Amino acid sequence: MTWRHRWFWIVPAFLAVMALSCGAAGAADKSADKSKVDGATNRVKQGAKQIGQGQVGPGFKELFTGVGHTVVEGAKFSGENIKEFFAGKK
């Protein structure tokens, strides 16, 4: 199997593991703060709207900044949920 073909298996497997871990974290208590994740997601939406309105430069900047913040805040949020899940907090 070539290196290129391995990615066709690695990427879906990684996404499946992430989805399952987020599903397990979602079953935990929702005491972790999701507002920062939602704020970062709104930055992505705002950037996409700016691009659609013809403001390409500022739109891309806002979009990719929002994507970065969404990844960071989503990882923090998921980590808190996983920690609470395995600690058995309710």
PDB file of N, CA and C in Angstrom:
ATOM      1  N   MET A   1       0.853  -1.167   0.000  1.00  0.00           N
ATOM      2  CA  MET A   1       0.000   0.000   0.000  1.00  0.00           C
ATOM      3  C   MET A   1       0.900   1.232   0.000  1.00  0.00           C
ATOM      4  N   THR A   2       0.629   2.156  -0.899  1.00  0.00           N
ATOM      5  CA  THR A   2       1.458   3.346  -0.988  1.00  0.00           C
ATOM      6  C   THR A   2       1.071   4.346   0.093  1.00  0.00           C
ATOM      7  N   TRP A   3       1.971   5.305   0.305  1.00  0.00           N
ATOM      8  CA  TRP A   3       1.747   6.314   1.335  1.00  0.00           C
ATOM      9  C   TRP A   3       0.483   7.119   1.032  1.00  0.00           C
ATOM     10  N   ARG A   4       0.251   7.403  -0.227  1.00  0.00           N
ATOM     11  CA  ARG A   4      -0.922   8.182  -0.613  1.00  0.00           C
ATOM     12  C   ARG A   4      -2.206   7.436  -0.264  1.00  0.00           C
ATOM     13  N   HIS A   5      -2.224   6.138  -0.472  1.00  0.00           N
ATOM     14  CA  HIS A   5      -3.431   5.366  -0.186  1.00  0.00           C
ATOM     15  C   HIS A   5      -3.654   5.173   1.307  1.00  0.00           C
ATOM     16  N   ARG A   6      -2.605   5.253   2.099  1.00  0.00           N
ATOM     17  CA  ARG A   6      -2.776   5.120   3.552  1.00  0.00           C
ATOM     18  C   ARG A   6      -3.604   6.257   4.114  1.00  0.00           C
ATOM     19  N   TRP A   7      -3.473   7.432   3.530  1.00  0.00           N
ATOM     20  CA  TRP A   7      -4.227   8.577   4.035  1.00  0.00           C
ATOM     21  C   TRP A   7      -5.725   8.383   3.869  1.00  0.00           C
ATOM     22  N   PHE A   8      -6.121   7.580   2.886  1.00  0.00           N
ATOM     23  CA  PHE A   8      -7.548   7.317   2.714  1.00  0.00           C
ATOM     24  C   PHE A   8      -8.112   6.509   3.881  1.00  0.00           C
ATOM     25  N   TRP A   9      -7.260   5.845   4.623  1.00  0.00           N
ATOM     26  CA  TRP A   9      -7.691   5.086   5.804  1.00  0.00           C
ATOM     27  C   TRP A   9      -7.399   5.832   7.093  1.00  0.00           C
ATOM     28  N   ILE A  10      -6.294   6.560   7.137  1.00  0.00           N
ATOM     29  CA  ILE A  10      -5.894   7.246   8.363  1.00  0.00           C
ATOM     30  C   ILE A  10      -6.854   8.385   8.697  1.00  0.00           C
ATOM     31  N   VAL A  11      -7.176   9.201   7.715  1.00  0.00           N
ATOM     32  CA  VAL A  11      -8.026  10.360   7.975  1.00  0.00           C
ATOM     33  C   VAL A  11      -9.418   9.945   8.462  1.00  0.00           C
ATOM     34  N   PRO A  12     -10.130   9.021   7.792  1.00  0.00           N
ATOM     35  CA  PRO A  12     -11.441   8.621   8.324  1.00  0.00           C
ATOM     36  C   PRO A  12     -11.355   7.956   9.695  1.00  0.00           C
ATOM     37  N   ALA A  13     -10.285   7.200   9.931  1.00  0.00           N
ATOM     38  CA  ALA A  13     -10.133   6.566  11.239  1.00  0.00           C
ATOM     39  C   ALA A  13      -9.935   7.621  12.322  1.00  0.00           C
ATOM     40  N   PHE A  14      -9.118   8.628  12.037  1.00  0.00           N
ATOM     41  CA  PHE A  14      -8.899   9.708  12.992  1.00  0.00           C
ATOM     42  C   PHE A  14     -10.208  10.451  13.260  1.00  0.00           C
ATOM     43  N   LEU A  15     -10.965  10.750  12.212  1.00  0.00           N
ATOM     44  CA  LEU A  15     -12.236  11.451  12.394  1.00  0.00           C
ATOM     45  C   LEU A  15     -13.230  10.609  13.190  1.00  0.00           C
ATOM     46  N   ALA A  16     -13.226   9.301  12.979  1.00  0.00           N
ATOM     47  CA  ALA A  16     -14.124   8.423  13.735  1.00  0.00           C
ATOM     48  C   ALA A  16     -13.759   8.418  15.216  1.00  0.00           C
ATOM     49  N   VAL A  17     -12.473   8.371  15.514  1.00  0.00           N
ATOM     50  CA  VAL A  17     -12.034   8.399  16.914  1.00  0.00           C
ATOM     51  C   VAL A  17     -12.427   9.727  17.557  1.00  0.00           C
ATOM     52  N   MET A  18     -12.246  10.827  16.841  1.00  0.00           N
ATOM     53  CA  MET A  18     -12.618  12.132  17.388  1.00  0.00           C
ATOM     54  C   MET A  18     -14.124  12.225  17.610  1.00  0.00           C
ATOM     55  N   ALA A  19     -14.904  11.702  16.674  1.00  0.00           N
ATOM     56  CA  ALA A  19     -16.360  11.750  16.827  1.00  0.00           C
ATOM     57  C   ALA A  19     -16.816  10.917  18.016  1.00  0.00           C
ATOM     58  N   LEU A  20     -16.213   9.763  18.192  1.00  0.00           N
ATOM     59  CA  LEU A  20     -16.582   8.921  19.323  1.00  0.00           C
ATOM     60  C   LEU A  20     -16.176   9.561  20.646  1.00  0.00           C
ATOM     61  N   SER A  21     -15.018  10.184  20.673  1.00  0.00           N
ATOM     62  CA  SER A  21     -14.589  10.823  21.922  1.00  0.00           C
ATOM     63  C   SER A  21     -15.457  12.040  22.229  1.00  0.00           C
ATOM     64  N   CYS A  22     -15.863  12.760  21.220  1.00  0.00           N
ATOM     65  CA  CYS A  22     -16.750  13.898  21.460  1.00  0.00           C
ATOM     66  C   CYS A  22     -18.134  13.422  21.872  1.00  0.00           C
ATOM     67  N   GLY A  23     -18.566  12.302  21.327  1.00  0.00           N
ATOM     68  CA  GLY A  23     -19.847  11.731  21.736  1.00  0.00           C
ATOM     69  C   GLY A  23     -19.828  11.289  23.180  1.00  0.00           C
ATOM     70  N   ALA A  24     -18.728  10.707  23.604  1.00  0.00           N
ATOM     71  CA  ALA A  24     -18.588  10.304  25.005  1.00  0.00           C
ATOM     72  C   ALA A  24     -18.515  11.530  25.891  1.00  0.00           C
ATOM     73  N   ALA A  25     -17.853  12.559  25.411  1.00  0.00           N
ATOM     74  CA  ALA A  25     -17.767  13.788  26.190  1.00  0.00           C
ATOM     75  C   ALA A  25     -19.118  14.481  26.244  1.00  0.00           C
ATOM     76  N   GLY A  26     -19.895  14.358  25.182  1.00  0.00           N
ATOM     77  CA  GLY A  26     -21.215  14.970  25.164  1.00  0.00           C
ATOM     78  C   GLY A  26     -22.171  14.330  26.142  1.00  0.00           C
ATOM     79  N   ALA A  27     -21.918  13.076  26.494  1.00  0.00           N
ATOM     80  CA  ALA A  27     -22.763  12.396  27.455  1.00  0.00           C
ATOM     81  C   ALA A  27     -22.488  12.859  28.877  1.00  0.00           C
ATOM     82  N   ALA A  28     -21.352  13.501  29.066  1.00  0.00           N
ATOM     83  CA  ALA A  28     -20.988  13.993  30.395  1.00  0.00           C
ATOM     84  C   ALA A  28     -21.816  15.228  30.732  1.00  0.00           C
ATOM     85  N   ASP A  29     -21.674  15.673  31.948  1.00  0.00           N
ATOM     86  CA  ASP A  29     -22.358  16.866  32.413  1.00  0.00           C
ATOM     87  C   ASP A  29     -21.899  18.070  31.602  1.00  0.00           C
ATOM     88  N   LYS A  30     -22.802  18.963  31.284  1.00  0.00           N
ATOM     89  CA  LYS A  30     -22.489  20.119  30.446  1.00  0.00           C
ATOM     90  C   LYS A  30     -22.040  21.321  31.273  1.00  0.00           C
ATOM     91  N   SER A  31     -21.259  21.094  32.317  1.00  0.00           N
ATOM     92  CA  SER A  31     -20.834  22.199  33.158  1.00  0.00           C
ATOM     93  C   SER A  31     -19.671  22.972  32.552  1.00  0.00           C
ATOM     94  N   ALA A  32     -19.002  22.431  31.557  1.00  0.00           N
ATOM     95  CA  ALA A  32     -17.925  23.169  30.894  1.00  0.00           C
ATOM     96  C   ALA A  32     -18.546  24.312  30.086  1.00  0.00           C
ATOM     97  N   ASP A  33     -17.835  25.418  29.962  1.00  0.00           N
ATOM     98  CA  ASP A  33     -18.348  26.617  29.315  1.00  0.00           C
ATOM     99  C   ASP A  33     -18.170  26.527  27.804  1.00  0.00           C
ATOM    100  N   LYS A  34     -19.273  26.514  27.081  1.00  0.00           N
ATOM    101  CA  LYS A  34     -19.226  26.399  25.632  1.00  0.00           C
ATOM    102  C   LYS A  34     -19.300  27.759  24.944  1.00  0.00           C
ATOM    103  N   SER A  35     -19.435  28.830  25.700  1.00  0.00           N
ATOM    104  CA  SER A  35     -19.606  30.146  25.097  1.00  0.00           C
ATOM    105  C   SER A  35     -18.366  30.583  24.307  1.00  0.00           C
ATOM    106  N   LYS A  36     -17.168  30.195  24.740  1.00  0.00           N
ATOM    107  CA  LYS A  36     -15.959  30.567  24.002  1.00  0.00           C
ATOM    108  C   LYS A  36     -15.909  29.849  22.658  1.00  0.00           C
ATOM    109  N   VAL A  37     -16.356  28.609  22.617  1.00  0.00           N
ATOM    110  CA  VAL A  37     -16.402  27.865  21.351  1.00  0.00           C
ATOM    111  C   VAL A  37     -17.405  28.519  20.409  1.00  0.00           C
ATOM    112  N   ASP A  38     -18.559  28.892  20.940  1.00  0.00           N
ATOM    113  CA  ASP A  38     -19.571  29.543  20.117  1.00  0.00           C
ATOM    114  C   ASP A  38     -19.097  30.898  19.600  1.00  0.00           C
ATOM    115  N   GLY A  39     -18.360  31.639  20.428  1.00  0.00           N
ATOM    116  CA  GLY A  39     -17.817  32.925  19.991  1.00  0.00           C
ATOM    117  C   GLY A  39     -16.817  32.762  18.866  1.00  0.00           C
ATOM    118  N   ALA A  40     -15.964  31.759  18.977  1.00  0.00           N
ATOM    119  CA  ALA A  40     -14.987  31.502  17.920  1.00  0.00           C
ATOM    120  C   ALA A  40     -15.682  31.052  16.639  1.00  0.00           C
ATOM    121  N   THR A  41     -16.736  30.261  16.774  1.00  0.00           N
ATOM    122  CA  THR A  41     -17.498  29.820  15.603  1.00  0.00           C
ATOM    123  C   THR A  41     -18.164  31.010  14.919  1.00  0.00           C
ATOM    124  N   ASN A  42     -18.626  31.959  15.704  1.00  0.00           N
ATOM    125  CA  ASN A  42     -19.235  33.153  15.120  1.00  0.00           C
ATOM    126  C   ASN A  42     -18.215  33.983  14.342  1.00  0.00           C
ATOM    127  N   ARG A  43     -16.943  33.945  14.757  1.00  0.00           N
ATOM    128  CA  ARG A  43     -15.902  34.647  13.998  1.00  0.00           C
ATOM    129  C   ARG A  43     -15.741  34.020  12.615  1.00  0.00           C
ATOM    130  N   VAL A  44     -15.860  32.716  12.532  1.00  0.00           N
ATOM    131  CA  VAL A  44     -15.770  32.033  11.238  1.00  0.00           C
ATOM    132  C   VAL A  44     -16.942  32.468  10.361  1.00  0.00           C
ATOM    133  N   LYS A  45     -18.136  32.503  10.933  1.00  0.00           N
ATOM    134  CA  LYS A  45     -19.320  32.932  10.174  1.00  0.00           C
ATOM    135  C   LYS A  45     -19.171  34.372   9.687  1.00  0.00           C
ATOM    136  N   GLN A  46     -18.670  35.240  10.559  1.00  0.00           N
ATOM    137  CA  GLN A  46     -18.490  36.643  10.197  1.00  0.00           C
ATOM    138  C   GLN A  46     -17.476  36.790   9.059  1.00  0.00           C
ATOM    139  N   GLY A  47     -16.392  36.033   9.122  1.00  0.00           N
ATOM    140  CA  GLY A  47     -15.403  36.075   8.055  1.00  0.00           C
ATOM    141  C   GLY A  47     -15.964  35.590   6.728  1.00  0.00           C
ATOM    142  N   ALA A  48     -16.768  34.538   6.786  1.00  0.00           N
ATOM    143  CA  ALA A  48     -17.382  34.027   5.559  1.00  0.00           C
ATOM    144  C   ALA A  48     -18.358  35.049   4.977  1.00  0.00           C
ATOM    145  N   LYS A  49     -19.082  35.752   5.831  1.00  0.00           N
ATOM    146  CA  LYS A  49     -20.001  36.784   5.345  1.00  0.00           C
ATOM    147  C   LYS A  49     -19.233  37.929   4.697  1.00  0.00           C
ATOM    148  N   GLN A  50     -18.092  38.297   5.290  1.00  0.00           N
ATOM    149  CA  GLN A  50     -17.289  39.372   4.712  1.00  0.00           C
ATOM    150  C   GLN A  50     -16.768  38.984   3.338  1.00  0.00           C
ATOM    151  N   ILE A  51     -16.357  37.738   3.194  1.00  0.00           N
ATOM    152  CA  ILE A  51     -15.877  37.275   1.884  1.00  0.00           C
ATOM    153  C   ILE A  51     -17.012  37.336   0.876  1.00  0.00           C
ATOM    154  N   GLY A  52     -18.199  36.924   1.295  1.00  0.00           N
ATOM    155  CA  GLY A  52     -19.364  36.970   0.409  1.00  0.00           C
ATOM    156  C   GLY A  52     -19.756  38.374   0.010  1.00  0.00           C
ATOM    157  N   GLN A  53     -19.424  39.346   0.846  1.00  0.00           N
ATOM    158  CA  GLN A  53     -19.750  40.750   0.545  1.00  0.00           C
ATOM    159  C   GLN A  53     -18.651  41.435  -0.248  1.00  0.00           C
ATOM    160  N   GLY A  54     -17.602  40.697  -0.601  1.00  0.00           N
ATOM    161  CA  GLY A  54     -16.536  41.255  -1.422  1.00  0.00           C
ATOM    162  C   GLY A  54     -15.332  41.754  -0.648  1.00  0.00           C
ATOM    163  N   GLN A  55     -15.341  41.661   0.665  1.00  0.00           N
ATOM    164  CA  GLN A  55     -14.206  42.080   1.487  1.00  0.00           C
ATOM    165  C   GLN A  55     -13.308  40.866   1.707  1.00  0.00           C
ATOM    166  N   VAL A  56     -12.562  40.498   0.668  1.00  0.00           N
ATOM    167  CA  VAL A  56     -11.818  39.245   0.670  1.00  0.00           C
ATOM    168  C   VAL A  56     -10.677  39.251   1.685  1.00  0.00           C
ATOM    169  N   GLY A  57      -9.857  40.284   1.709  1.00  0.00           N
ATOM    170  CA  GLY A  57      -8.704  40.326   2.614  1.00  0.00           C
ATOM    171  C   GLY A  57      -9.100  40.224   4.084  1.00  0.00           C
ATOM    172  N   PRO A  58      -9.923  41.166   4.572  1.00  0.00           N
ATOM    173  CA  PRO A  58     -10.339  41.091   5.970  1.00  0.00           C
ATOM    174  C   PRO A  58     -11.185  39.848   6.266  1.00  0.00           C
ATOM    175  N   GLY A  59     -11.927  39.417   5.262  1.00  0.00           N
ATOM    176  CA  GLY A  59     -12.763  38.229   5.444  1.00  0.00           C
ATOM    177  C   GLY A  59     -11.941  36.975   5.688  1.00  0.00           C
ATOM    178  N   PHE A  60     -10.884  36.789   4.876  1.00  0.00           N
ATOM    179  CA  PHE A  60     -10.018  35.616   5.072  1.00  0.00           C
ATOM    180  C   PHE A  60      -9.295  35.684   6.411  1.00  0.00           C
ATOM    181  N   LYS A  61      -8.870  36.878   6.779  1.00  0.00           N
ATOM    182  CA  LYS A  61      -8.183  37.033   8.067  1.00  0.00           C
ATOM    183  C   LYS A  61      -9.115  36.629   9.214  1.00  0.00           C
ATOM    184  N   GLU A  62     -10.330  37.135   9.189  1.00  0.00           N
ATOM    185  CA  GLU A  62     -11.312  36.809  10.233  1.00  0.00           C
ATOM    186  C   GLU A  62     -11.677  35.323  10.199  1.00  0.00           C
ATOM    187  N   LEU A  63     -11.840  34.786   9.005  1.00  0.00           N
ATOM    188  CA  LEU A  63     -12.206  33.376   8.850  1.00  0.00           C
ATOM    189  C   LEU A  63     -11.144  32.461   9.438  1.00  0.00           C
ATOM    190  N   PHE A  64      -9.896  32.666   9.048  1.00  0.00           N
ATOM    191  CA  PHE A  64      -8.845  31.763   9.517  1.00  0.00           C
ATOM    192  C   PHE A  64      -8.478  32.008  10.981  1.00  0.00           C
ATOM    193  N   THR A  65      -8.621  33.231  11.451  1.00  0.00           N
ATOM    194  CA  THR A  65      -8.442  33.485  12.881  1.00  0.00           C
ATOM    195  C   THR A  65      -9.527  32.763  13.665  1.00  0.00           C
ATOM    196  N   GLY A  66     -10.750  32.822  13.162  1.00  0.00           N
ATOM    197  CA  GLY A  66     -11.865  32.127  13.810  1.00  0.00           C
ATOM    198  C   GLY A  66     -11.677  30.621  13.808  1.00  0.00           C
ATOM    199  N   VAL A  67     -11.156  30.081  12.709  1.00  0.00           N
ATOM    200  CA  VAL A  67     -10.899  28.633  12.648  1.00  0.00           C
ATOM    201  C   VAL A  67      -9.867  28.238  13.693  1.00  0.00           C
ATOM    202  N   GLY A  68      -8.805  29.026  13.801  1.00  0.00           N
ATOM    203  CA  GLY A  68      -7.774  28.732  14.801  1.00  0.00           C
ATOM    204  C   GLY A  68      -8.321  28.776  16.211  1.00  0.00           C
ATOM    205  N   HIS A  69      -9.097  29.806  16.512  1.00  0.00           N
ATOM    206  CA  HIS A  69      -9.677  29.919  17.850  1.00  0.00           C
ATOM    207  C   HIS A  69     -10.696  28.810  18.108  1.00  0.00           C
ATOM    208  N   THR A  70     -11.437  28.424  17.083  1.00  0.00           N
ATOM    209  CA  THR A  70     -12.408  27.336  17.244  1.00  0.00           C
ATOM    210  C   THR A  70     -11.701  26.033  17.590  1.00  0.00           C
ATOM    211  N   VAL A  71     -10.593  25.760  16.928  1.00  0.00           N
ATOM    212  CA  VAL A  71      -9.837  24.542  17.213  1.00  0.00           C
ATOM    213  C   VAL A  71      -9.310  24.563  18.642  1.00  0.00           C
ATOM    214  N   VAL A  72      -8.737  25.687  19.047  1.00  0.00           N
ATOM    215  CA  VAL A  72      -8.154  25.788  20.393  1.00  0.00           C
ATOM    216  C   VAL A  72      -9.239  25.677  21.461  1.00  0.00           C
ATOM    217  N   GLU A  73     -10.285  26.470  21.329  1.00  0.00           N
ATOM    218  CA  GLU A  73     -11.343  26.464  22.346  1.00  0.00           C
ATOM    219  C   GLU A  73     -12.117  25.148  22.331  1.00  0.00           C
ATOM    220  N   GLY A  74     -12.288  24.554  21.151  1.00  0.00           N
ATOM    221  CA  GLY A  74     -12.952  23.255  21.072  1.00  0.00           C
ATOM    222  C   GLY A  74     -12.149  22.165  21.754  1.00  0.00           C
ATOM    223  N   ALA A  75     -10.830  22.227  21.612  1.00  0.00           N
ATOM    224  CA  ALA A  75      -9.976  21.251  22.288  1.00  0.00           C
ATOM    225  C   ALA A  75     -10.046  21.423  23.801  1.00  0.00           C
ATOM    226  N   LYS A  76     -10.037  22.668  24.264  1.00  0.00           N
ATOM    227  CA  LYS A  76     -10.168  22.916  25.702  1.00  0.00           C
ATOM    228  C   LYS A  76     -11.507  22.409  26.227  1.00  0.00           C
ATOM    229  N   PHE A  77     -12.573  22.714  25.490  1.00  0.00           N
ATOM    230  CA  PHE A  77     -13.917  22.297  25.888  1.00  0.00           C
ATOM    231  C   PHE A  77     -14.028  20.780  25.913  1.00  0.00           C
ATOM    232  N   SER A  78     -13.512  20.121  24.882  1.00  0.00           N
ATOM    233  CA  SER A  78     -13.551  18.659  24.826  1.00  0.00           C
ATOM    234  C   SER A  78     -12.726  18.045  25.947  1.00  0.00           C
ATOM    235  N   GLY A  79     -11.566  18.632  26.225  1.00  0.00           N
ATOM    236  CA  GLY A  79     -10.729  18.135  27.308  1.00  0.00           C
ATOM    237  C   GLY A  79     -11.433  18.223  28.651  1.00  0.00           C
ATOM    238  N   GLU A  80     -12.121  19.327  28.894  1.00  0.00           N
ATOM    239  CA  GLU A  80     -12.870  19.474  30.150  1.00  0.00           C
ATOM    240  C   GLU A  80     -13.989  18.446  30.236  1.00  0.00           C
ATOM    241  N   ASN A  81     -14.707  18.246  29.129  1.00  0.00           N
ATOM    242  CA  ASN A  81     -15.799  17.267  29.134  1.00  0.00           C
ATOM    243  C   ASN A  81     -15.280  15.852  29.348  1.00  0.00           C
ATOM    244  N   ILE A  82     -14.174  15.512  28.724  1.00  0.00           N
ATOM    245  CA  ILE A  82     -13.604  14.170  28.888  1.00  0.00           C
ATOM    246  C   ILE A  82     -13.124  13.983  30.324  1.00  0.00           C
ATOM    247  N   LYS A  83     -12.495  15.031  30.862  1.00  0.00           N
ATOM    248  CA  LYS A  83     -12.027  14.958  32.245  1.00  0.00           C
ATOM    249  C   LYS A  83     -13.204  14.755  33.199  1.00  0.00           C
ATOM    250  N   GLU A  84     -14.287  15.483  32.984  1.00  0.00           N
ATOM    251  CA  GLU A  84     -15.471  15.344  33.835  1.00  0.00           C
ATOM    252  C   GLU A  84     -16.115  13.971  33.655  1.00  0.00           C
ATOM    253  N   PHE A  85     -16.111  13.481  32.433  1.00  0.00           N
ATOM    254  CA  PHE A  85     -16.709  12.170  32.162  1.00  0.00           C
ATOM    255  C   PHE A  85     -15.989  11.070  32.935  1.00  0.00           C
ATOM    256  N   PHE A  86     -14.650  11.076  32.875  1.00  0.00           N
ATOM    257  CA  PHE A  86     -13.903  10.032  33.539  1.00  0.00           C
ATOM    258  C   PHE A  86     -13.788  10.237  35.039  1.00  0.00           C
ATOM    259  N   ALA A  87     -14.013  11.463  35.495  1.00  0.00           N
ATOM    260  CA  ALA A  87     -14.017  11.720  36.936  1.00  0.00           C
ATOM    261  C   ALA A  87     -15.365  11.365  37.548  1.00  0.00           C
ATOM    262  N   GLY A  88     -16.371  11.172  36.708  1.00  0.00           N
ATOM    263  CA  GLY A  88     -17.694  10.781  37.182  1.00  0.00           C
ATOM    264  C   GLY A  88     -18.497  11.917  37.775  1.00  0.00           C
ATOM    265  N   LYS A  89     -18.187  13.164  37.396  1.00  0.00           N
ATOM    266  CA  LYS A  89     -18.931  14.294  37.907  1.00  0.00           C
ATOM    267  C   LYS A  89     -20.301  14.346  37.257  1.00  0.00           C
ATOM    268  N   LYS A  90     -21.287  14.759  38.051  1.00  0.00           N
ATOM    269  CA  LYS A  90     -22.654  14.901  37.529  1.00  0.00           C
ATOM    270  C   LYS A  90     -23.209  16.234  37.889  1.00  0.00           C
TER     271      LYS A  90
END
